């Protein structure tokens, strides 16, 4: 699979979960907990394949370096908020506000990748390179998912 297609499909899946999470309330303890866990797992795997394979390959190209550096920072911000959310009871009065900030940051990050980073990647990688990156990312996804399953 093409690397950009794979990442875009991940974005669609995460956005669906964010839409669901956004409508929850403090009373939705089970729903919030389940959605948070699913989002965290998806982001963990997605960030792994981006940070270990896609970003380093793209960063080698001068036109993309600043986009990649910013993306790493955006991952750090979302990871920090996710960590804070994980440490709070989902019915805490601040949980919803933190979740909203996390959702906004993730949507911004996805939009920047799709409107700036991916078009740049299409310019600097040919179709074969995108397929090769996608293959490596798919293999790493499977191993990251196994690692997560083993950690549970």
Foldseek 3Di string as FASTA:
>chain_A
DFQVVVLVVLLVVLLVLLVVLLPDALVPQVSNVVSLVVNVLSLQLSCVLCVVFVLVVQCVDPVCVVVSVVLVVLSVVLVVLSVVLVVDRSNPPCNSVSSVVSSVSSVVSSVCCVPPVVVSVPVPDPRVRRVVSNVVSVVSSVVSSVVVVVVD
